[in-house]
Amino acid sequence: MSETIDSIGTAGVRVVQRRSGYRFTLDAVLLAAFAATEGRDVGGPLLELGAGSGVVSFLLACQFGLAPVDALELQPEVHARLVRAVALNTCEGRVRPVLGDLREARSLFPPGAYAHVVSNPPFRPVHAGVRSPDEERALSKQEVACDAPSVVAAARHALSPGGRVSLVYPAARVAEVLGLLVAAKLYPVALRFVHARVEAPATRFLVHAVRDRQRGLAVRPPLIAHGEGPGGYSPEVASLMEPPRAERPPSPELESEGGD
């Protein structure tokens, strides 16, 4: 099966992806930066739920200096590529691939084992839109194998008291996801909406929550993805994206909510 090795971020993180399968989007980069910023005072191990190609985990470890990160991935073939990428990035001991189902978090991890949980989960409800005929894409984009309640429940189990969780979801699901977090006593403390361009409505939101501690919610300034900066990004996003070499990979964009 044809694959590519793609470079992303200022640390030149490399990920292995199927050429014609599901490929990471800008959401992963924005989540890693948001989690690193909001969780900068958090020490201890991190867990990524649904790691995919490992973009978030590798950026946290290599670009933002946060490690170790356990990268949990359900699909064996995706997990195998993630294992190979650990060697490509010389991240042995900093990013630790784990094969497993986040819905079985209670049997995979001891309770309270992590200080920070991050997830860029499947966005689309299972009955919304047309399911991709490619199983890898379907599992990565639609809530076929997990849904938002499962992600929140896994995070709640994995987090230590006072631990943090950082998520990215479509803007249209903000009320649903915030409600799930509060019901699990994961209290939102920072919220940031993502817009493709200045004049465009929000397409995503980033949320950072704390286990068992209500501290009030701060709504951060909007994050504008695209603009007049290098690569067609806004200056803020361009500062996260530029690899250290002259040659640059194709620029990932915010993915639309349309069907496959």
C-alpha atoms as a PDB file:
ATOM      1  CA  MET A   1       0.000   0.000   0.000  1.00  0.00           C
ATOM      2  CA  SER A   2       1.391   3.379  -1.020  1.00  0.00           C
ATOM      3  CA  GLU A   3       2.504   5.584   1.856  1.00  0.00           C
ATOM      4  CA  THR A   4       4.033   9.004   2.360  1.00  0.00           C
ATOM      5  CA  ILE A   5       6.313  10.403   5.042  1.00  0.00           C
ATOM      6  CA  ASP A   6       5.235  13.961   5.771  1.00  0.00           C
ATOM      7  CA  SER A   7       6.943  16.659   7.822  1.00  0.00           C
ATOM      8  CA  ILE A   8       4.993  19.036  10.031  1.00  0.00           C
ATOM      9  CA  GLY A   9       5.771  21.758  12.550  1.00  0.00           C
ATOM     10  CA  THR A  10       8.823  23.738  13.546  1.00  0.00           C
ATOM     11  CA  ALA A  11      10.467  20.614  14.969  1.00  0.00           C
ATOM     12  CA  GLY A  12      10.169  18.806  11.624  1.00  0.00           C
ATOM     13  CA  VAL A  13       8.014  16.009  13.050  1.00  0.00           C
ATOM     14  CA  ARG A  14       7.585  13.194  10.527  1.00  0.00           C
ATOM     15  CA  VAL A  15       4.494  11.018  10.225  1.00  0.00           C
ATOM     16  CA  VAL A  16       3.713   7.977   8.078  1.00  0.00           C
ATOM     17  CA  GLN A  17       0.376   8.096   6.254  1.00  0.00           C
ATOM     18  CA  ARG A  18      -1.460   6.230   3.536  1.00  0.00           C
ATOM     19  CA  ARG A  19      -1.287   8.208   0.328  1.00  0.00           C
ATOM     20  CA  SER A  20      -4.973   7.669  -0.441  1.00  0.00           C
ATOM     21  CA  GLY A  21      -6.326   7.099   3.079  1.00  0.00           C
ATOM     22  CA  TYR A  22      -7.242   9.397   5.924  1.00  0.00           C
ATOM     23  CA  ARG A  23      -4.615  12.110   6.385  1.00  0.00           C
ATOM     24  CA  PHE A  24      -4.132  14.488   9.261  1.00  0.00           C
ATOM     25  CA  THR A  25      -5.624  17.963   9.084  1.00  0.00           C
ATOM     26  CA  LEU A  26      -4.824  21.291  10.696  1.00  0.00           C
ATOM     27  CA  ASP A  27      -7.016  20.346  13.659  1.00  0.00           C
ATOM     28  CA  ALA A  28      -4.220  18.153  15.040  1.00  0.00           C
ATOM     29  CA  VAL A  29      -1.675  20.969  14.937  1.00  0.00           C
ATOM     30  CA  LEU A  30      -4.044  23.447  16.578  1.00  0.00           C
ATOM     31  CA  LEU A  31      -4.944  20.963  19.310  1.00  0.00           C
ATOM     32  CA  ALA A  32      -1.296  20.265  20.152  1.00  0.00           C
ATOM     33  CA  ALA A  33      -0.508  23.976  20.428  1.00  0.00           C
ATOM     34  CA  PHE A  34      -3.634  24.675  22.482  1.00  0.00           C
ATOM     35  CA  ALA A  35      -2.973  21.783  24.860  1.00  0.00           C
ATOM     36  CA  ALA A  36       0.648  22.844  25.311  1.00  0.00           C
ATOM     37  CA  THR A  37      -0.346  26.457  25.987  1.00  0.00           C
ATOM     38  CA  GLU A  38      -3.236  25.806  28.352  1.00  0.00           C
ATOM     39  CA  GLY A  39      -1.468  22.898  30.042  1.00  0.00           C
ATOM     40  CA  ARG A  40       1.966  24.488  30.319  1.00  0.00           C
ATOM     41  CA  ASP A  41       1.904  24.223  34.127  1.00  0.00           C
ATOM     42  CA  VAL A  42       0.914  20.538  34.107  1.00  0.00           C
ATOM     43  CA  GLY A  43       3.588  18.009  34.930  1.00  0.00           C
ATOM     44  CA  GLY A  44       3.392  14.274  34.475  1.00  0.00           C
ATOM     45  CA  PRO A  45       2.541  11.823  31.707  1.00  0.00           C
ATOM     46  CA  LEU A  46       0.111  12.577  28.879  1.00  0.00           C
ATOM     47  CA  LEU A  47      -2.322  10.334  27.017  1.00  0.00           C
ATOM     48  CA  GLU A  48      -3.646  10.851  23.495  1.00  0.00           C
ATOM     49  CA  LEU A  49      -6.931   9.077  22.783  1.00  0.00           C
ATOM     50  CA  GLY A  50      -7.241   8.024  19.134  1.00  0.00           C
ATOM     51  CA  ALA A  51      -3.725   8.969  18.093  1.00  0.00           C
ATOM     52  CA  GLY A  52      -3.954   8.066  14.395  1.00  0.00           C
ATOM     53  CA  SER A  53      -0.676   8.947  12.694  1.00  0.00           C
ATOM     54  CA  GLY A  54       0.566  10.485  15.944  1.00  0.00           C
ATOM     55  CA  VAL A  55       0.741  14.141  14.888  1.00  0.00           C
ATOM     56  CA  VAL A  56      -0.534  15.464  18.233  1.00  0.00           C
ATOM     57  CA  SER A  57       1.672  13.169  20.316  1.00  0.00           C
ATOM     58  CA  PHE A  58       4.816  13.905  18.294  1.00  0.00           C
ATOM     59  CA  LEU A  59       4.213  17.661  18.330  1.00  0.00           C
ATOM     60  CA  LEU A  60       3.658  17.624  22.093  1.00  0.00           C
ATOM     61  CA  ALA A  61       6.896  15.703  22.615  1.00  0.00           C
ATOM     62  CA  CYS A  62       9.161  17.239  19.961  1.00  0.00           C
ATOM     63  CA  GLN A  63       7.885  20.773  19.382  1.00  0.00           C
ATOM     64  CA  PHE A  64       6.546  21.602  22.838  1.00  0.00           C
ATOM     65  CA  GLY A  65       8.777  19.452  25.040  1.00  0.00           C
ATOM     66  CA  LEU A  66       5.947  17.610  26.809  1.00  0.00           C
ATOM     67  CA  ALA A  67       6.571  13.921  27.429  1.00  0.00           C
ATOM     68  CA  PRO A  68       6.099  11.077  27.914  1.00  0.00           C
ATOM     69  CA  VAL A  69       2.964  10.721  25.791  1.00  0.00           C
ATOM     70  CA  ASP A  70       1.109   7.424  25.515  1.00  0.00           C
ATOM     71  CA  ALA A  71      -0.530   7.360  22.075  1.00  0.00           C
ATOM     72  CA  LEU A  72      -3.587   5.078  22.067  1.00  0.00           C
ATOM     73  CA  GLU A  73      -4.763   3.871  18.663  1.00  0.00           C
ATOM     74  CA  LEU A  74      -7.489   1.352  17.823  1.00  0.00           C
ATOM     75  CA  GLN A  75      -6.575   0.263  14.277  1.00  0.00           C
ATOM     76  CA  PRO A  76      -3.659  -2.218  14.018  1.00  0.00           C
ATOM     77  CA  GLU A  77      -2.385  -0.954  10.654  1.00  0.00           C
ATOM     78  CA  VAL A  78      -2.484   2.677  11.814  1.00  0.00           C
ATOM     79  CA  HIS A  79      -0.783   1.669  15.058  1.00  0.00           C
ATOM     80  CA  ALA A  80       1.967  -0.089  13.073  1.00  0.00           C
ATOM     81  CA  ARG A  81       2.686   3.126  11.151  1.00  0.00           C
ATOM     82  CA  LEU A  82       2.718   5.016  14.433  1.00  0.00           C
ATOM     83  CA  VAL A  83       5.332   2.600  15.803  1.00  0.00           C
ATOM     84  CA  ARG A  84       7.518   3.228  12.734  1.00  0.00           C
ATOM     85  CA  ALA A  85       7.164   6.980  13.163  1.00  0.00           C
ATOM     86  CA  VAL A  86       8.521   6.760  16.714  1.00  0.00           C
ATOM     87  CA  ALA A  87      11.831   5.578  15.263  1.00  0.00           C
ATOM     88  CA  LEU A  88      11.718   8.188  12.472  1.00  0.00           C
ATOM     89  CA  ASN A  89      11.430  10.929  15.097  1.00  0.00           C
ATOM     90  CA  THR A  90      13.849   9.301  17.578  1.00  0.00           C
ATOM     91  CA  CYS A  91      11.063   9.492  20.140  1.00  0.00           C
ATOM     92  CA  GLU A  92      11.671   6.204  21.903  1.00  0.00           C
ATOM     93  CA  GLY A  93      10.599   6.685  25.514  1.00  0.00           C
ATOM     94  CA  ARG A  94       8.901  10.002  24.749  1.00  0.00           C
ATOM     95  CA  VAL A  95       6.029   8.757  22.577  1.00  0.00           C
ATOM     96  CA  ARG A  96       4.787   5.269  23.457  1.00  0.00           C
ATOM     97  CA  PRO A  97       2.299   3.710  21.016  1.00  0.00           C
ATOM     98  CA  VAL A  98      -0.475   1.681  22.649  1.00  0.00           C
ATOM     99  CA  LEU A  99      -2.829  -0.551  20.652  1.00  0.00           C
ATOM    100  CA  GLY A 100      -6.297  -0.559  22.151  1.00  0.00           C
ATOM    101  CA  ASP A 101      -9.858   0.721  22.290  1.00  0.00           C
ATOM    102  CA  LEU A 102     -10.529   3.877  24.321  1.00  0.00           C
ATOM    103  CA  ARG A 103     -13.931   2.427  25.227  1.00  0.00           C
ATOM    104  CA  GLU A 104     -11.977  -0.133  27.256  1.00  0.00           C
ATOM    105  CA  ALA A 105      -9.876   2.462  29.075  1.00  0.00           C
ATOM    106  CA  ARG A 106     -10.631   0.888  32.452  1.00  0.00           C
ATOM    107  CA  SER A 107      -8.830  -2.292  31.449  1.00  0.00           C
ATOM    108  CA  LEU A 108      -6.017  -0.503  29.605  1.00  0.00           C
ATOM    109  CA  PHE A 109      -4.899   2.079  32.160  1.00  0.00           C
ATOM    110  CA  PRO A 110      -4.952   2.411  35.939  1.00  0.00           C
ATOM    111  CA  PRO A 111      -7.357   5.094  37.167  1.00  0.00           C
ATOM    112  CA  GLY A 112      -5.752   8.511  37.502  1.00  0.00           C
ATOM    113  CA  ALA A 113      -2.577   7.524  35.645  1.00  0.00           C
ATOM    114  CA  TYR A 114      -2.270  10.718  33.569  1.00  0.00           C
ATOM    115  CA  ALA A 115      -1.901  14.419  34.222  1.00  0.00           C
ATOM    116  CA  HIS A 116      -3.210  15.502  30.797  1.00  0.00           C
ATOM    117  CA  VAL A 117      -5.394  13.769  28.202  1.00  0.00           C
ATOM    118  CA  VAL A 118      -5.728  15.088  24.644  1.00  0.00           C
ATOM    119  CA  SER A 119      -7.957  13.934  21.798  1.00  0.00           C
ATOM    120  CA  ASN A 120      -8.795  14.879  18.219  1.00  0.00           C
ATOM    121  CA  PRO A 121     -11.590  12.303  17.941  1.00  0.00           C
ATOM    122  CA  PRO A 122     -13.887  11.358  15.079  1.00  0.00           C
ATOM    123  CA  PHE A 123     -16.114  14.399  14.560  1.00  0.00           C
ATOM    124  CA  ARG A 124     -19.162  13.173  12.726  1.00  0.00           C
ATOM    125  CA  PRO A 125     -22.039  11.275  14.378  1.00  0.00           C
ATOM    126  CA  VAL A 126     -22.377   7.800  12.925  1.00  0.00           C
ATOM    127  CA  HIS A 127     -25.628   8.537  11.092  1.00  0.00           C
ATOM    128  CA  ALA A 128     -24.588  11.977   9.792  1.00  0.00           C
ATOM    129  CA  GLY A 129     -23.511  12.027   6.155  1.00  0.00           C
ATOM    130  CA  VAL A 130     -22.325   9.185   3.963  1.00  0.00           C
ATOM    131  CA  ARG A 131     -19.978   6.662   5.525  1.00  0.00           C
ATOM    132  CA  SER A 132     -16.695   6.335   3.668  1.00  0.00           C
ATOM    133  CA  PRO A 133     -16.222   2.951   1.957  1.00  0.00           C
ATOM    134  CA  ASP A 134     -12.634   3.057   3.225  1.00  0.00           C
ATOM    135  CA  GLU A 135     -12.788   1.592   6.734  1.00  0.00           C
ATOM    136  CA  GLU A 136      -9.758   3.530   7.992  1.00  0.00           C
ATOM    137  CA  ARG A 137     -11.266   6.822   6.878  1.00  0.00           C
ATOM    138  CA  ALA A 138     -14.664   5.886   8.301  1.00  0.00           C
ATOM    139  CA  LEU A 139     -13.237   5.061  11.731  1.00  0.00           C
ATOM    140  CA  SER A 140     -11.164   8.254  11.735  1.00  0.00           C
ATOM    141  CA  LYS A 141     -13.951  10.624  10.659  1.00  0.00           C
ATOM    142  CA  GLN A 142     -17.206   9.181  11.997  1.00  0.00           C
ATOM    143  CA  GLU A 143     -18.188   7.995  15.468  1.00  0.00           C
ATOM    144  CA  VAL A 144     -18.255   4.385  14.320  1.00  0.00           C
ATOM    145  CA  ALA A 145     -15.999   2.973  17.035  1.00  0.00           C
ATOM    146  CA  CYS A 146     -16.340   5.713  19.657  1.00  0.00           C
ATOM    147  CA  ASP A 147     -18.485   8.745  20.366  1.00  0.00           C
ATOM    148  CA  ALA A 148     -18.107  11.890  22.450  1.00  0.00           C
ATOM    149  CA  PRO A 149     -19.453  10.287  25.659  1.00  0.00           C
ATOM    150  CA  SER A 150     -16.871   7.491  25.264  1.00  0.00           C
ATOM    151  CA  VAL A 151     -14.037  10.010  24.827  1.00  0.00           C
ATOM    152  CA  VAL A 152     -15.111  11.960  27.913  1.00  0.00           C
ATOM    153  CA  ALA A 153     -15.536   8.785  29.987  1.00  0.00           C
ATOM    154  CA  ALA A 154     -12.068   7.541  28.990  1.00  0.00           C
ATOM    155  CA  ALA A 155     -10.533  10.904  29.863  1.00  0.00           C
ATOM    156  CA  ARG A 156     -12.287  10.962  33.232  1.00  0.00           C
ATOM    157  CA  HIS A 157     -10.943   7.500  34.098  1.00  0.00           C
ATOM    158  CA  ALA A 158      -7.390   8.248  32.965  1.00  0.00           C
ATOM    159  CA  LEU A 159      -6.982  11.633  34.672  1.00  0.00           C
ATOM    160  CA  SER A 160      -5.578  12.185  38.118  1.00  0.00           C
ATOM    161  CA  PRO A 161      -7.423  14.631  40.435  1.00  0.00           C
ATOM    162  CA  GLY A 162      -6.804  18.113  39.066  1.00  0.00           C
ATOM    163  CA  GLY A 163      -5.667  16.630  35.741  1.00  0.00           C
ATOM    164  CA  ARG A 164      -6.505  18.300  32.443  1.00  0.00           C
ATOM    165  CA  VAL A 165      -8.193  17.298  29.205  1.00  0.00           C
ATOM    166  CA  SER A 166      -7.900  19.152  25.872  1.00  0.00           C
ATOM    167  CA  LEU A 167     -10.262  18.401  22.969  1.00  0.00           C
ATOM    168  CA  VAL A 168     -11.139  19.720  19.512  1.00  0.00           C
ATOM    169  CA  TYR A 169     -14.637  19.333  18.032  1.00  0.00           C
ATOM    170  CA  PRO A 170     -16.861  20.988  15.430  1.00  0.00           C
ATOM    171  CA  ALA A 171     -18.268  24.308  16.617  1.00  0.00           C
ATOM    172  CA  ALA A 172     -21.825  23.026  16.141  1.00  0.00           C
ATOM    173  CA  ARG A 173     -21.252  20.489  18.947  1.00  0.00           C
ATOM    174  CA  VAL A 174     -20.046  22.946  21.585  1.00  0.00           C
ATOM    175  CA  ALA A 175     -23.135  22.721  23.837  1.00  0.00           C
ATOM    176  CA  GLU A 176     -23.165  18.916  23.665  1.00  0.00           C
ATOM    177  CA  VAL A 177     -19.475  18.464  24.476  1.00  0.00           C
ATOM    178  CA  LEU A 178     -19.360  21.065  27.252  1.00  0.00           C
ATOM    179  CA  GLY A 179     -22.398  19.398  28.794  1.00  0.00           C
ATOM    180  CA  LEU A 180     -20.713  15.988  28.705  1.00  0.00           C
ATOM    181  CA  LEU A 181     -17.575  17.402  30.322  1.00  0.00           C
ATOM    182  CA  VAL A 182     -19.450  19.100  33.154  1.00  0.00           C
ATOM    183  CA  ALA A 183     -21.550  15.973  33.781  1.00  0.00           C
ATOM    184  CA  ALA A 184     -18.283  14.035  34.195  1.00  0.00           C
ATOM    185  CA  LYS A 185     -16.936  16.725  36.549  1.00  0.00           C
ATOM    186  CA  LEU A 186     -14.372  17.790  33.981  1.00  0.00           C
ATOM    187  CA  TYR A 187     -14.902  21.522  34.256  1.00  0.00           C
ATOM    188  CA  PRO A 188     -14.066  23.700  31.217  1.00  0.00           C
ATOM    189  CA  VAL A 189     -11.595  26.468  32.026  1.00  0.00           C
ATOM    190  CA  ALA A 190     -10.566  27.645  28.521  1.00  0.00           C
ATOM    191  CA  LEU A 191     -12.518  27.764  25.272  1.00  0.00           C
ATOM    192  CA  ARG A 192     -11.312  28.963  21.878  1.00  0.00           C
ATOM    193  CA  PHE A 193     -13.228  29.029  18.610  1.00  0.00           C
ATOM    194  CA  VAL A 194     -11.427  28.379  15.321  1.00  0.00           C
ATOM    195  CA  HIS A 195     -12.362  30.252  12.124  1.00  0.00           C
ATOM    196  CA  ALA A 196     -11.017  29.462   8.656  1.00  0.00           C
ATOM    197  CA  ARG A 197     -10.820  33.210   7.918  1.00  0.00           C
ATOM    198  CA  VAL A 198     -11.593  36.443   9.743  1.00  0.00           C
ATOM    199  CA  GLU A 199     -14.990  36.889   8.125  1.00  0.00           C
ATOM    200  CA  ALA A 200     -16.015  33.215   8.371  1.00  0.00           C
ATOM    201  CA  PRO A 201     -18.122  31.595  11.096  1.00  0.00           C
ATOM    202  CA  ALA A 202     -16.408  29.274  13.561  1.00  0.00           C
ATOM    203  CA  THR A 203     -15.886  25.715  12.328  1.00  0.00           C
ATOM    204  CA  ARG A 204     -14.137  24.225  15.377  1.00  0.00           C
ATOM    205  CA  PHE A 205     -13.687  24.824  19.066  1.00  0.00           C
ATOM    206  CA  LEU A 206     -10.847  23.901  21.394  1.00  0.00           C
ATOM    207  CA  VAL A 207     -11.662  23.247  25.048  1.00  0.00           C
ATOM    208  CA  HIS A 208      -9.444  22.678  28.067  1.00  0.00           C
ATOM    209  CA  ALA A 209     -11.025  21.273  31.244  1.00  0.00           C
ATOM    210  CA  VAL A 210      -9.893  20.331  34.748  1.00  0.00           C
ATOM    211  CA  ARG A 211     -10.983  17.270  36.691  1.00  0.00           C
ATOM    212  CA  ASP A 212     -13.044  18.005  39.827  1.00  0.00           C
ATOM    213  CA  ARG A 213     -12.144  21.698  40.108  1.00  0.00           C
ATOM    214  CA  GLN A 214     -14.373  24.566  38.988  1.00  0.00           C
ATOM    215  CA  ARG A 215     -12.280  27.628  38.179  1.00  0.00           C
ATOM    216  CA  GLY A 216     -14.516  29.595  35.828  1.00  0.00           C
ATOM    217  CA  LEU A 217     -14.405  29.598  32.038  1.00  0.00           C
ATOM    218  CA  ALA A 218     -12.158  31.931  30.010  1.00  0.00           C
ATOM    219  CA  VAL A 219     -13.137  32.414  26.355  1.00  0.00           C
ATOM    220  CA  ARG A 220      -9.920  33.032  24.436  1.00  0.00           C
ATOM    221  CA  PRO A 221      -9.656  35.300  21.372  1.00  0.00           C
ATOM    222  CA  PRO A 222     -10.721  33.644  18.104  1.00  0.00           C
ATOM    223  CA  LEU A 223      -8.095  31.598  16.306  1.00  0.00           C
ATOM    224  CA  ILE A 224      -7.951  32.486  12.606  1.00  0.00           C
ATOM    225  CA  ALA A 225      -6.450  29.678  10.535  1.00  0.00           C
ATOM    226  CA  HIS A 226      -5.869  31.168   7.090  1.00  0.00           C
ATOM    227  CA  GLY A 227      -4.598  34.569   6.015  1.00  0.00           C
ATOM    228  CA  GLU A 228      -1.697  36.405   4.456  1.00  0.00           C
ATOM    229  CA  GLY A 229       1.086  34.607   6.308  1.00  0.00           C
ATOM    230  CA  PRO A 230       3.470  31.984   4.882  1.00  0.00           C
ATOM    231  CA  GLY A 231       1.685  29.095   3.218  1.00  0.00           C
ATOM    232  CA  GLY A 232      -1.596  30.983   3.218  1.00  0.00           C
ATOM    233  CA  TYR A 233      -1.907  30.713   6.985  1.00  0.00           C
ATOM    234  CA  SER A 234      -2.490  33.421   9.549  1.00  0.00           C
ATOM    235  CA  PRO A 235       0.737  34.549  11.269  1.00  0.00           C
ATOM    236  CA  GLU A 236      -0.200  32.610  14.427  1.00  0.00           C
ATOM    237  CA  VAL A 237      -0.758  29.343  12.599  1.00  0.00           C
ATOM    238  CA  ALA A 238       2.233  29.859  10.284  1.00  0.00           C
ATOM    239  CA  SER A 239       4.458  30.103  13.371  1.00  0.00           C
ATOM    240  CA  LEU A 240       3.401  26.555  14.297  1.00  0.00           C
ATOM    241  CA  MET A 241       3.692  25.036  10.851  1.00  0.00           C
ATOM    242  CA  GLU A 242       6.963  26.004   9.210  1.00  0.00           C
ATOM    243  CA  PRO A 243       9.387  23.058   8.988  1.00  0.00           C
ATOM    244  CA  PRO A 244      13.115  23.694   9.448  1.00  0.00           C
ATOM    245  CA  ARG A 245      14.011  22.866   5.841  1.00  0.00           C
ATOM    246  CA  ALA A 246      13.521  24.974   2.740  1.00  0.00           C
ATOM    247  CA  GLU A 247      11.189  22.432   1.176  1.00  0.00           C
ATOM    248  CA  ARG A 248       7.735  22.401   2.727  1.00  0.00           C
ATOM    249  CA  PRO A 249       4.971  19.796   2.548  1.00  0.00           C
ATOM    250  CA  PRO A 250       1.509  20.599   1.176  1.00  0.00           C
ATOM    251  CA  SER A 251      -0.398  22.729   3.655  1.00  0.00           C
ATOM    252  CA  PRO A 252      -3.148  20.928   5.573  1.00  0.00           C
ATOM    253  CA  GLU A 253      -6.365  22.862   5.980  1.00  0.00           C
ATOM    254  CA  LEU A 254      -9.350  22.811   8.264  1.00  0.00           C
ATOM    255  CA  GLU A 255     -11.470  19.931   7.016  1.00  0.00           C
ATOM    256  CA  SER A 256     -15.038  20.704   5.983  1.00  0.00           C
ATOM    257  CA  GLU A 257     -18.013  18.907   7.482  1.00  0.00           C
ATOM    258  CA  GLY A 258     -19.124  17.542   4.106  1.00  0.00           C
ATOM    259  CA  GLY A 259     -19.346  13.888   3.192  1.00  0.00           C
ATOM    260  CA  ASP A 260     -16.644  11.771   1.591  1.00  0.00           C
END
